């Protein structure tokens, strides 16, 4: 039986590298309006493993064609040996929205924000970095969509 899940692997520049053909275990906990988490266990002999171990590696997981979650592959643990397995944690990209502080400019009218007007569409982070809303919008629309159907079990 073909898995209803597709796990796509990307590099840190969001370049698609391939699909994970046969994960040993895939546990997802998608959350509505909160940060979802998951774990992916793969064989140490999987051809996608070197890409998954690279710094900044990311994944996107779909279920029956609908977006479930996407995010960085974190904290690999396990044995990269002939018969070993490696487990990765995934933290949903929704965390970007949860960790972004936004407020209305007090000297501006309440009106729709223009993506091309950087004066009214900058996002400021605690680190002092500034990202324009258009860049954040571009990134989030590539990776974040609404969950289409609830998922309560893992696929083995």
N, C-alpha and C. Protein backbone atom coordinates (compact mmCIF):
# COMPACT_ATOMS: atom_id res chain seq x y z
N UNK A 1 0.84 -1.18 0.00
CA UNK A 1 0.00 0.00 0.00
C UNK A 1 0.90 1.25 0.00
N UNK A 2 0.56 2.18 -0.84
CA UNK A 2 1.33 3.42 -0.92
C UNK A 2 0.94 4.36 0.22
N UNK A 3 1.94 4.98 0.81
CA UNK A 3 1.71 5.88 1.94
C UNK A 3 0.94 7.12 1.49
N UNK A 4 -0.02 7.57 2.29
CA UNK A 4 -0.71 8.82 1.98
C UNK A 4 0.14 10.05 2.30
N UNK A 5 1.29 9.82 2.96
CA UNK A 5 2.19 10.91 3.32
C UNK A 5 3.28 11.07 2.27
N UNK A 6 3.68 12.32 2.02
CA UNK A 6 4.84 12.62 1.20
C UNK A 6 5.72 13.54 2.02
N UNK A 7 7.00 13.16 2.16
CA UNK A 7 7.96 13.97 2.91
C UNK A 7 8.97 14.50 1.91
N UNK A 8 8.91 15.80 1.66
CA UNK A 8 9.83 16.45 0.73
C UNK A 8 10.98 17.04 1.54
N UNK A 9 12.21 16.92 1.00
CA UNK A 9 13.40 17.43 1.67
C UNK A 9 13.93 18.63 0.89
N UNK A 10 14.27 19.70 1.61
CA UNK A 10 14.77 20.94 1.02
C UNK A 10 16.09 21.31 1.69
N UNK A 11 16.90 22.09 1.00
CA UNK A 11 18.10 22.63 1.63
C UNK A 11 17.75 23.95 2.30
N UNK A 12 18.74 24.62 2.89
CA UNK A 12 18.45 25.85 3.63
C UNK A 12 17.99 27.00 2.73
N UNK A 13 18.23 26.90 1.41
CA UNK A 13 17.77 27.92 0.46
C UNK A 13 16.40 27.57 -0.11
N UNK A 14 15.72 26.59 0.48
CA UNK A 14 14.40 26.11 0.06
C UNK A 14 14.43 25.48 -1.34
N UNK A 15 15.55 24.91 -1.72
CA UNK A 15 15.66 24.19 -2.99
C UNK A 15 15.27 22.74 -2.73
N UNK A 16 14.31 22.24 -3.51
CA UNK A 16 13.83 20.87 -3.33
C UNK A 16 14.93 19.90 -3.73
N UNK A 17 15.23 18.95 -2.85
CA UNK A 17 16.28 17.97 -3.10
C UNK A 17 15.74 16.60 -3.45
N UNK A 18 14.53 16.30 -3.02
CA UNK A 18 13.91 15.01 -3.32
C UNK A 18 12.90 14.64 -2.25
N UNK A 19 12.26 13.50 -2.47
CA UNK A 19 11.27 12.99 -1.52
C UNK A 19 11.89 11.86 -0.71
N UNK A 20 11.53 11.80 0.55
CA UNK A 20 11.96 10.71 1.41
C UNK A 20 11.12 9.50 1.04
N UNK A 21 11.76 8.46 0.50
CA UNK A 21 11.02 7.35 -0.09
C UNK A 21 10.34 6.46 0.95
N UNK A 22 11.03 6.11 2.01
CA UNK A 22 10.48 5.13 2.91
C UNK A 22 10.90 5.39 4.36
N UNK A 23 10.26 6.36 5.03
CA UNK A 23 10.62 6.57 6.43
C UNK A 23 10.18 5.37 7.27
N UNK A 24 10.96 5.06 8.28
CA UNK A 24 10.60 3.96 9.17
C UNK A 24 9.42 4.35 10.04
N UNK A 25 9.46 5.58 10.52
CA UNK A 25 8.39 6.07 11.40
C UNK A 25 8.18 7.55 11.14
N UNK A 26 6.91 7.96 11.18
CA UNK A 26 6.55 9.35 10.99
C UNK A 26 5.46 9.68 12.00
N UNK A 27 5.82 10.45 13.02
CA UNK A 27 4.86 10.86 14.05
C UNK A 27 4.65 12.36 13.93
N UNK A 28 3.41 12.76 13.71
CA UNK A 28 3.09 14.18 13.57
C UNK A 28 2.05 14.58 14.60
N UNK A 29 2.23 15.78 15.14
CA UNK A 29 1.24 16.37 16.02
C UNK A 29 0.93 17.76 15.49
N UNK A 30 0.11 17.85 14.44
CA UNK A 30 -0.26 19.18 13.95
C UNK A 30 -1.17 19.87 14.96
N UNK A 31 -1.05 21.16 15.06
CA UNK A 31 -1.85 21.95 15.99
C UNK A 31 -2.58 23.04 15.21
N UNK A 32 -3.81 23.31 15.59
CA UNK A 32 -4.54 24.42 15.00
C UNK A 32 -4.20 25.68 15.78
N UNK A 33 -3.71 26.70 15.09
CA UNK A 33 -3.36 27.97 15.71
C UNK A 33 -2.28 27.82 16.78
N UNK A 34 -1.40 26.85 16.60
CA UNK A 34 -0.29 26.62 17.52
C UNK A 34 0.82 25.92 16.74
N UNK A 35 1.96 25.76 17.38
CA UNK A 35 3.13 25.17 16.73
C UNK A 35 3.04 23.64 16.79
N UNK A 36 2.99 23.01 15.63
CA UNK A 36 2.98 21.56 15.56
C UNK A 36 4.39 21.00 15.65
N UNK A 37 4.48 19.73 16.03
CA UNK A 37 5.77 19.07 16.13
C UNK A 37 5.68 17.68 15.49
N UNK A 38 6.84 17.10 15.26
CA UNK A 38 6.86 15.76 14.70
C UNK A 38 8.23 15.13 14.80
N UNK A 39 8.26 13.84 14.50
CA UNK A 39 9.51 13.09 14.43
C UNK A 39 9.50 12.24 13.18
N UNK A 40 10.66 12.16 12.56
CA UNK A 40 10.85 11.32 11.38
C UNK A 40 12.02 10.39 11.67
N UNK A 41 11.79 9.10 11.55
CA UNK A 41 12.87 8.13 11.73
C UNK A 41 13.19 7.51 10.38
N UNK A 42 14.47 7.55 10.01
CA UNK A 42 14.90 7.01 8.72
C UNK A 42 16.06 6.03 8.93
N UNK A 43 16.21 5.15 7.97
CA UNK A 43 17.31 4.21 7.99
C UNK A 43 18.61 4.94 7.70
N UNK A 44 19.69 4.48 8.30
CA UNK A 44 20.99 5.09 8.07
C UNK A 44 21.47 4.88 6.65
N UNK A 45 20.85 3.95 5.93
CA UNK A 45 21.23 3.70 4.54
C UNK A 45 20.34 4.45 3.55
N UNK A 46 19.41 5.29 4.04
CA UNK A 46 18.52 6.03 3.15
C UNK A 46 19.32 7.04 2.32
N UNK A 47 19.03 7.11 1.04
CA UNK A 47 19.79 8.00 0.15
C UNK A 47 19.58 9.48 0.44
N UNK A 48 18.52 9.85 1.14
CA UNK A 48 18.27 11.25 1.48
C UNK A 48 18.94 11.66 2.79
N UNK A 49 19.48 10.72 3.55
CA UNK A 49 20.05 11.03 4.85
C UNK A 49 21.16 12.08 4.82
N UNK A 50 22.11 12.03 3.88
CA UNK A 50 23.14 13.08 3.87
C UNK A 50 22.56 14.49 3.70
N UNK A 51 21.49 14.61 2.91
CA UNK A 51 20.84 15.92 2.73
C UNK A 51 20.12 16.33 4.01
N UNK A 52 19.52 15.36 4.69
CA UNK A 52 18.79 15.66 5.92
C UNK A 52 19.73 16.06 7.06
N UNK A 53 20.96 15.55 7.03
CA UNK A 53 21.93 15.89 8.07
C UNK A 53 22.62 17.23 7.83
N UNK A 54 22.48 17.78 6.63
CA UNK A 54 23.13 19.05 6.30
C UNK A 54 22.54 20.18 7.14
N UNK A 55 23.37 21.16 7.45
CA UNK A 55 22.93 22.31 8.23
C UNK A 55 21.83 23.07 7.47
N UNK A 56 20.74 23.35 8.15
CA UNK A 56 19.65 24.11 7.55
C UNK A 56 18.66 23.27 6.77
N UNK A 57 18.79 21.95 6.80
CA UNK A 57 17.86 21.08 6.06
C UNK A 57 16.44 21.26 6.57
N UNK A 58 15.49 21.16 5.66
CA UNK A 58 14.08 21.38 5.97
C UNK A 58 13.24 20.28 5.35
N UNK A 59 12.02 20.15 5.80
CA UNK A 59 11.10 19.20 5.18
C UNK A 59 9.71 19.81 5.09
N UNK A 60 8.93 19.24 4.20
CA UNK A 60 7.50 19.58 4.07
C UNK A 60 6.77 18.26 4.01
N UNK A 61 5.76 18.11 4.85
CA UNK A 61 5.02 16.86 4.94
C UNK A 61 3.59 17.12 4.49
N UNK A 62 3.15 16.33 3.52
CA UNK A 62 1.76 16.44 3.05
C UNK A 62 1.05 15.12 3.32
N UNK A 63 -0.25 15.21 3.50
CA UNK A 63 -1.09 14.04 3.73
C UNK A 63 -2.22 14.08 2.72
N UNK A 64 -2.25 13.11 1.84
CA UNK A 64 -3.23 13.04 0.75
C UNK A 64 -3.25 14.35 -0.04
N UNK A 65 -2.08 14.92 -0.27
CA UNK A 65 -1.97 16.14 -1.07
C UNK A 65 -2.13 17.43 -0.31
N UNK A 66 -2.61 17.38 0.93
CA UNK A 66 -2.80 18.58 1.73
C UNK A 66 -1.62 18.82 2.65
N UNK A 67 -1.27 20.08 2.84
CA UNK A 67 -0.13 20.44 3.70
C UNK A 67 -0.43 20.08 5.16
N UNK A 68 0.49 19.38 5.79
CA UNK A 68 0.37 19.07 7.22
C UNK A 68 1.31 19.93 8.04
N UNK A 69 2.59 19.93 7.69
CA UNK A 69 3.53 20.79 8.39
C UNK A 69 4.82 20.88 7.59
N UNK A 70 5.57 21.90 7.88
CA UNK A 70 6.89 22.09 7.27
C UNK A 70 7.77 22.78 8.30
N UNK A 71 9.05 22.52 8.19
CA UNK A 71 9.96 23.15 9.13
C UNK A 71 11.34 22.54 9.06
N UNK A 72 12.23 23.03 9.91
CA UNK A 72 13.60 22.53 9.91
C UNK A 72 13.70 21.13 10.50
N UNK A 73 14.67 20.37 10.02
CA UNK A 73 14.98 19.06 10.60
C UNK A 73 15.98 19.30 11.72
N UNK A 74 15.57 19.01 12.94
CA UNK A 74 16.36 19.36 14.13
C UNK A 74 16.84 18.13 14.89
N UNK A 75 17.91 18.29 15.63
CA UNK A 75 18.40 17.35 16.63
C UNK A 75 18.47 15.91 16.15
N UNK A 76 19.26 15.62 15.10
CA UNK A 76 19.36 14.21 14.69
C UNK A 76 20.00 13.38 15.80
N UNK A 77 19.40 12.23 16.05
CA UNK A 77 19.98 11.33 17.04
C UNK A 77 19.85 9.90 16.52
N UNK A 78 20.80 9.10 16.88
CA UNK A 78 20.82 7.72 16.43
C UNK A 78 22.19 7.37 15.89
N UNK A 79 22.30 6.21 15.27
CA UNK A 79 23.57 5.73 14.76
C UNK A 79 23.56 5.75 13.24
N UNK A 80 24.52 6.47 12.67
CA UNK A 80 24.68 6.47 11.22
C UNK A 80 25.64 5.33 10.89
N UNK A 81 25.14 4.12 11.05
CA UNK A 81 25.91 2.91 10.76
C UNK A 81 25.10 2.08 9.78
N UNK A 82 25.67 0.97 9.34
CA UNK A 82 25.04 0.16 8.29
C UNK A 82 23.58 -0.20 8.61
N UNK A 83 23.28 -0.58 9.85
CA UNK A 83 21.92 -1.00 10.17
C UNK A 83 21.26 -0.09 11.20
N UNK A 84 21.79 1.11 11.35
CA UNK A 84 21.25 2.04 12.33
C UNK A 84 20.08 2.84 11.79
N UNK A 85 19.51 3.64 12.67
CA UNK A 85 18.45 4.57 12.28
C UNK A 85 18.77 5.94 12.86
N UNK A 86 18.22 6.96 12.24
CA UNK A 86 18.40 8.33 12.70
C UNK A 86 17.02 8.96 12.87
N UNK A 87 16.81 9.63 13.98
CA UNK A 87 15.53 10.28 14.27
C UNK A 87 15.74 11.79 14.23
N UNK A 88 14.87 12.48 13.49
CA UNK A 88 14.88 13.94 13.40
C UNK A 88 13.61 14.49 14.02
N UNK A 89 13.73 15.61 14.67
CA UNK A 89 12.56 16.33 15.15
C UNK A 89 12.22 17.43 14.15
N UNK A 90 10.92 17.71 14.01
CA UNK A 90 10.44 18.77 13.13
C UNK A 90 9.60 19.71 13.95
N UNK A 91 9.84 21.01 13.79
CA UNK A 91 9.02 22.03 14.45
C UNK A 91 8.37 22.85 13.36
N UNK A 92 7.05 22.91 13.38
CA UNK A 92 6.28 23.54 12.31
C UNK A 92 6.67 25.01 12.11
N UNK A 93 6.64 25.44 10.86
CA UNK A 93 6.97 26.83 10.53
C UNK A 93 5.98 27.83 11.12
N UNK A 94 4.87 27.37 11.65
CA UNK A 94 3.93 28.29 12.29
C UNK A 94 4.61 29.02 13.45
N UNK A 95 5.73 28.45 13.96
CA UNK A 95 6.46 29.11 15.04
C UNK A 95 6.91 30.51 14.64
N UNK A 96 7.11 30.73 13.34
CA UNK A 96 7.50 32.06 12.87
C UNK A 96 6.42 33.10 13.18
N UNK A 97 5.17 32.68 13.04
CA UNK A 97 4.07 33.60 13.35
C UNK A 97 3.94 33.81 14.86
N UNK A 98 4.14 32.74 15.62
CA UNK A 98 4.00 32.83 17.07
C UNK A 98 5.09 33.70 17.69
N UNK A 99 6.26 33.75 17.05
CA UNK A 99 7.39 34.49 17.60
C UNK A 99 7.59 35.86 16.96
N UNK A 100 6.59 36.32 16.22
CA UNK A 100 6.69 37.62 15.55
C UNK A 100 5.78 38.62 16.26
N UNK A 101 6.37 39.69 16.69
CA UNK A 101 5.62 40.74 17.35
C UNK A 101 5.20 41.77 16.30
N UNK A 102 3.95 42.13 16.29
CA UNK A 102 3.47 43.13 15.34
C UNK A 102 2.60 44.16 16.05
N UNK A 103 2.62 45.35 15.56
CA UNK A 103 1.79 46.40 16.14
C UNK A 103 1.49 47.44 15.07
N UNK A 104 0.47 48.22 15.34
CA UNK A 104 0.06 49.28 14.43
C UNK A 104 0.94 50.50 14.66
N UNK A 105 1.41 51.11 13.57
CA UNK A 105 2.17 52.35 13.69
C UNK A 105 1.21 53.43 14.19
N UNK A 106 1.52 54.11 15.31
CA UNK A 106 0.58 55.06 15.90
C UNK A 106 0.27 56.27 15.02
N UNK A 107 1.16 56.61 14.08
CA UNK A 107 0.91 57.78 13.25
C UNK A 107 0.30 57.42 11.91
N UNK A 108 -0.14 56.17 11.71
CA UNK A 108 -0.72 55.72 10.44
C UNK A 108 -2.19 55.40 10.63
N UNK A 109 -2.94 55.49 9.55
CA UNK A 109 -4.33 55.09 9.57
C UNK A 109 -4.42 53.56 9.54
N UNK A 110 -5.52 53.03 10.08
CA UNK A 110 -5.75 51.60 9.98
C UNK A 110 -6.26 51.31 8.57
N UNK A 111 -5.40 50.73 7.77
CA UNK A 111 -5.77 50.41 6.39
C UNK A 111 -4.96 49.19 5.97
N UNK A 112 -5.37 48.53 4.89
CA UNK A 112 -4.58 47.38 4.43
C UNK A 112 -3.14 47.78 4.16
N UNK A 113 -2.22 46.87 4.51
CA UNK A 113 -0.80 47.12 4.31
C UNK A 113 -0.42 46.77 2.88
N UNK A 114 0.31 47.68 2.25
CA UNK A 114 0.81 47.42 0.90
C UNK A 114 2.11 46.64 1.01
N UNK A 115 2.21 45.53 0.29
CA UNK A 115 3.42 44.72 0.34
C UNK A 115 4.61 45.44 -0.29
N UNK A 116 4.36 46.45 -1.11
CA UNK A 116 5.47 47.13 -1.77
C UNK A 116 5.97 48.34 -0.98
N UNK A 117 5.23 48.78 0.03
CA UNK A 117 5.63 49.93 0.82
C UNK A 117 6.38 49.47 2.06
N UNK A 118 7.70 49.46 1.98
CA UNK A 118 8.50 48.94 3.10
C UNK A 118 8.41 49.82 4.34
N UNK A 119 8.05 51.07 4.19
CA UNK A 119 7.94 51.95 5.35
C UNK A 119 6.83 51.48 6.29
N UNK A 120 5.78 50.89 5.74
CA UNK A 120 4.69 50.45 6.59
C UNK A 120 4.64 48.93 6.74
N UNK A 121 5.57 48.21 6.14
CA UNK A 121 5.47 46.76 6.20
C UNK A 121 6.74 46.08 6.72
N UNK A 122 7.51 46.76 7.55
CA UNK A 122 8.68 46.13 8.14
C UNK A 122 8.30 45.37 9.40
N UNK A 123 8.97 44.25 9.62
CA UNK A 123 8.81 43.47 10.84
C UNK A 123 10.12 43.60 11.60
N UNK A 124 10.05 43.98 12.86
CA UNK A 124 11.24 44.16 13.67
C UNK A 124 11.33 43.02 14.69
N UNK A 125 12.48 42.41 14.80
CA UNK A 125 12.68 41.30 15.73
C UNK A 125 13.48 41.80 16.93
N UNK A 126 13.42 41.05 18.03
CA UNK A 126 14.14 41.43 19.24
C UNK A 126 15.64 41.54 18.99
N UNK A 127 16.15 40.80 18.01
CA UNK A 127 17.58 40.84 17.73
C UNK A 127 17.99 42.14 17.03
N UNK A 128 17.02 42.95 16.62
CA UNK A 128 17.31 44.18 15.91
C UNK A 128 17.25 43.99 14.40
N UNK A 129 17.08 42.78 13.94
CA UNK A 129 16.98 42.53 12.50
C UNK A 129 15.64 43.03 11.98
N UNK A 130 15.62 43.45 10.75
CA UNK A 130 14.39 43.92 10.10
C UNK A 130 14.14 43.07 8.86
N UNK A 131 12.93 42.59 8.73
CA UNK A 131 12.53 41.83 7.54
C UNK A 131 11.29 42.50 7.00
N UNK A 132 11.23 42.74 5.71
CA UNK A 132 10.03 43.36 5.16
C UNK A 132 8.90 42.35 5.17
N UNK A 133 7.70 42.84 5.34
CA UNK A 133 6.53 41.98 5.38
C UNK A 133 6.38 41.21 4.07
N UNK A 134 6.79 41.81 2.96
CA UNK A 134 6.66 41.11 1.68
C UNK A 134 7.55 39.87 1.66
N UNK A 135 8.76 39.94 2.26
CA UNK A 135 9.62 38.76 2.32
C UNK A 135 9.02 37.71 3.24
N UNK A 136 8.52 38.14 4.38
CA UNK A 136 7.90 37.19 5.30
C UNK A 136 6.67 36.56 4.66
N UNK A 137 5.87 37.37 3.96
CA UNK A 137 4.67 36.86 3.29
C UNK A 137 5.06 35.84 2.23
N UNK A 138 6.08 36.13 1.45
CA UNK A 138 6.55 35.20 0.42
C UNK A 138 6.95 33.87 1.05
N UNK A 139 7.73 33.95 2.13
CA UNK A 139 8.20 32.73 2.78
C UNK A 139 7.04 31.93 3.36
N UNK A 140 6.17 32.60 4.08
CA UNK A 140 5.08 31.90 4.75
C UNK A 140 4.07 31.32 3.76
N UNK A 141 3.84 32.00 2.65
CA UNK A 141 2.90 31.43 1.68
C UNK A 141 3.48 30.22 0.98
N UNK A 142 4.80 30.10 0.95
CA UNK A 142 5.42 28.90 0.37
C UNK A 142 5.28 27.70 1.28
N UNK A 143 5.24 27.92 2.59
CA UNK A 143 5.31 26.79 3.51
C UNK A 143 4.09 26.62 4.41
N UNK A 144 3.28 27.64 4.60
CA UNK A 144 2.20 27.54 5.57
C UNK A 144 0.83 27.60 4.91
N UNK A 145 0.00 26.60 5.16
CA UNK A 145 -1.38 26.61 4.73
C UNK A 145 -2.22 26.09 5.89
N UNK A 146 -3.52 26.20 5.77
CA UNK A 146 -4.38 25.70 6.84
C UNK A 146 -4.44 24.18 6.79
N UNK A 147 -4.56 23.59 7.93
CA UNK A 147 -4.70 22.14 8.02
C UNK A 147 -6.06 21.76 7.48
N UNK A 148 -6.10 20.84 6.52
CA UNK A 148 -7.36 20.50 5.86
C UNK A 148 -8.14 19.42 6.59
N UNK A 149 -7.46 18.45 7.19
CA UNK A 149 -8.17 17.45 7.95
C UNK A 149 -7.32 17.04 9.15
N UNK A 150 -7.96 16.74 10.26
CA UNK A 150 -7.19 16.39 11.46
C UNK A 150 -6.45 15.07 11.27
N UNK A 151 -5.32 14.97 11.92
CA UNK A 151 -4.51 13.77 11.85
C UNK A 151 -4.18 13.36 13.27
N UNK A 152 -4.63 12.19 13.69
CA UNK A 152 -4.44 11.81 15.08
C UNK A 152 -3.59 10.56 15.25
N UNK A 153 -3.25 9.91 14.17
CA UNK A 153 -2.43 8.70 14.28
C UNK A 153 -1.19 8.83 13.42
N UNK A 154 -0.19 8.01 13.73
CA UNK A 154 0.99 8.02 12.90
C UNK A 154 0.90 6.88 11.90
N UNK A 155 1.60 7.04 10.81
CA UNK A 155 1.63 6.03 9.77
C UNK A 155 2.90 5.23 9.91
N UNK A 156 2.81 3.94 10.00
CA UNK A 156 3.99 3.08 10.15
C UNK A 156 4.28 2.38 8.85
